[in-house]
Amino acid sequence: MDIGYAIEPDLSVEEFVAVLRRSTLAERRPVDDPPRIEGMLRNAGLIVTARDATGLLVGVSRAVTDFHYCCYLSDLAVDAAFQGQGIGRELIRRTHVAAGPGTTLILLAAPKARSYYPHIGMTQHDSCWVARPADQVGR
C-alpha cells in the first residue's frame, strides 16, 4: 500500500479527530471538545501524518519537543483498517528524526498498545509519574 508521510503543523481538528476515532485512541482523548483539540494541535511542536493514495489521513504522530534534548510523543494513532503495515513504526521513526538527532523520544503507552513498543525496539522505563488535570483529581 502506498503511504505518504509529511510534517503537517496545520492539520485540521476534523481530520485529527476522525483518525483518533478510527483508531483506539479516541477513548482517551477529548474528541468531543473541539477547542481543546485545537489547542493540542496548535501547541504541539511536531505533527507527522500518514496518508493513503487518496489523501485519507490514516495515521498521525503528535509530539511536544524542544528539538534538542527530549521529544514527548503524546499521540500515536493509526486507523484500525491500516494497522499492522508498519505505519506506526514509520511515524515514530520520522517523528524522532524530525525532533533531532540528540533527542530522547518518550511516550506513555495506551493500554491496548503496551505490547507494541517493545516489538519495535523501544525500552520500558520504570520511573514515570503522572499528575492528572485538576478536573480529574480524585476520580
Protein backbone atom coordinates (compact mmCIF):
# COMPACT_ATOMS: atom_id res chain seq x y z
CA MET A 1 0.00 0.00 0.00
CA ASP A 2 1.30 3.43 -0.95
CA ILE A 3 1.50 5.64 2.16
CA GLY A 4 2.83 9.19 2.08
CA TYR A 5 4.31 10.86 5.15
CA ALA A 6 4.58 14.57 5.88
CA ILE A 7 5.05 17.10 8.64
CA GLU A 8 1.70 18.91 8.87
CA PRO A 9 1.66 21.65 11.51
CA ASP A 10 -1.74 22.87 10.27
CA LEU A 11 -3.58 19.55 10.49
CA SER A 12 -7.30 20.21 10.91
CA VAL A 13 -9.23 19.35 14.05
CA GLU A 14 -11.71 17.39 11.95
CA GLU A 15 -9.11 15.14 10.33
CA PHE A 16 -7.28 14.60 13.62
CA VAL A 17 -10.47 13.63 15.46
CA ALA A 18 -11.54 11.36 12.61
CA VAL A 19 -8.32 9.34 12.72
CA LEU A 20 -8.44 9.22 16.53
CA ARG A 21 -11.95 7.75 16.23
CA ARG A 22 -10.81 5.19 13.63
CA SER A 23 -8.03 4.09 15.99
CA THR A 24 -8.37 3.15 19.66
CA LEU A 25 -7.00 6.49 20.86
CA ALA A 26 -10.32 8.40 20.88
CA GLU A 27 -11.21 6.56 24.09
CA ARG A 28 -8.56 8.60 25.92
CA ARG A 29 -8.68 11.95 24.13
CA PRO A 30 -11.15 14.86 24.41
CA VAL A 31 -12.61 14.28 20.93
CA ASP A 32 -15.89 15.96 21.90
CA ASP A 33 -14.12 19.19 22.89
CA PRO A 34 -13.00 20.87 19.61
CA PRO A 35 -11.40 23.93 21.28
CA ARG A 36 -9.23 21.66 23.42
CA ILE A 37 -8.26 19.54 20.40
CA GLU A 38 -7.45 22.77 18.52
CA GLY A 39 -5.13 23.80 21.35
CA MET A 40 -3.50 20.39 21.38
CA LEU A 41 -2.74 20.66 17.66
CA ARG A 42 -1.62 24.29 17.55
CA ASN A 43 0.68 23.97 20.56
CA ALA A 44 2.32 20.71 19.52
CA GLY A 45 5.88 21.13 18.35
CA LEU A 46 5.65 18.42 15.71
CA ILE A 47 2.83 16.70 13.84
CA VAL A 48 3.73 13.91 11.41
CA THR A 49 0.99 12.41 9.26
CA ALA A 50 0.48 9.31 7.14
CA ARG A 51 -1.96 9.44 4.20
CA ASP A 52 -3.06 6.79 1.75
CA ALA A 53 -3.05 7.28 -2.03
CA THR A 54 -6.45 9.01 -1.90
CA GLY A 55 -5.21 11.55 0.68
CA LEU A 56 -7.11 9.99 3.58
CA LEU A 57 -5.36 10.57 6.91
CA VAL A 58 -4.59 7.06 8.17
CA GLY A 59 -2.06 7.86 10.88
CA VAL A 60 -0.74 10.70 12.98
CA SER A 61 2.00 11.37 15.48
CA ARG A 62 1.67 14.48 17.67
CA ALA A 63 4.69 15.44 19.75
CA VAL A 64 5.92 18.16 22.07
CA THR A 65 9.64 18.72 21.72
CA ASP A 66 12.47 21.17 22.28
CA PHE A 67 14.23 19.72 19.17
CA HIS A 68 17.47 19.29 21.16
CA TYR A 69 17.05 17.07 24.20
CA CYS A 70 13.63 15.46 24.51
CA CYS A 71 10.58 14.69 22.46
CA TYR A 72 7.35 13.61 24.16
CA LEU A 73 5.25 11.63 21.71
CA SER A 74 1.82 12.46 23.07
CA ASP A 75 -0.37 10.86 20.40
CA LEU A 76 0.26 8.00 18.02
CA ALA A 77 -2.84 6.90 16.19
CA VAL A 78 -3.23 4.60 13.19
CA ASP A 79 -6.58 3.86 11.60
CA ALA A 80 -7.54 0.30 12.65
CA ALA A 81 -8.01 -0.67 8.99
CA PHE A 82 -4.35 0.22 8.32
CA GLN A 83 -2.69 -1.26 11.41
CA GLY A 84 -0.08 -3.99 11.02
CA GLN A 85 1.54 -2.37 7.97
CA GLY A 86 4.41 -0.55 9.73
CA ILE A 87 2.72 2.87 9.67
CA GLY A 88 3.06 3.40 13.43
CA ARG A 89 6.71 2.40 13.36
CA GLU A 90 7.40 4.78 10.48
CA LEU A 91 5.54 7.65 12.18
CA ILE A 92 7.67 7.13 15.28
CA ARG A 93 10.86 6.99 13.22
CA ARG A 94 10.02 10.14 11.29
CA THR A 95 8.98 11.97 14.46
CA HIS A 96 12.26 11.09 16.15
CA VAL A 97 14.31 12.15 13.10
CA ALA A 98 12.43 15.45 12.82
CA ALA A 99 12.84 16.13 16.55
CA GLY A 100 16.61 15.98 16.16
CA PRO A 101 19.48 13.53 16.49
CA GLY A 102 20.16 14.36 20.14
CA THR A 103 16.61 13.86 21.37
CA THR A 104 15.27 11.08 23.53
CA LEU A 105 11.79 10.01 22.45
CA ILE A 106 9.42 9.49 25.38
CA LEU A 107 5.85 8.19 25.37
CA LEU A 108 3.19 6.73 27.63
CA ALA A 109 1.66 3.65 26.04
CA ALA A 110 -2.08 3.32 25.66
CA PRO A 111 -3.25 0.14 27.43
CA LYS A 112 -4.00 -1.66 24.15
CA ALA A 113 -0.57 -0.73 22.73
CA ARG A 114 1.71 -1.78 25.60
CA SER A 115 3.00 -4.86 23.78
CA TYR A 116 3.65 -2.92 20.56
CA TYR A 117 6.52 -0.72 21.70
CA PRO A 118 8.98 -3.44 22.77
CA HIS A 119 8.24 -5.14 19.44
CA ILE A 120 9.65 -2.11 17.58
CA GLY A 121 12.75 -1.80 19.75
CA MET A 122 11.70 0.67 22.44
CA THR A 123 12.61 0.02 26.06
CA GLN A 124 10.36 0.43 29.07
CA HIS A 125 11.32 2.98 31.71
CA ASP A 126 10.47 2.13 35.31
CA SER A 127 10.04 5.60 36.80
CA CYS A 128 7.22 7.66 35.41
CA TRP A 129 4.84 9.76 37.47
CA VAL A 130 1.68 11.49 36.35
CA ALA A 131 -0.20 14.46 37.80
CA ARG A 132 -3.71 14.49 36.34
CA PRO A 133 -5.52 17.71 35.42
CA ALA A 134 -7.30 19.31 38.37
CA ASP A 135 -10.69 18.29 36.95
CA GLN A 136 -9.68 14.61 37.16
CA VAL A 137 -8.16 14.54 40.65
CA GLY A 138 -9.96 12.12 42.92
CA ARG A 139 -11.51 10.08 40.12
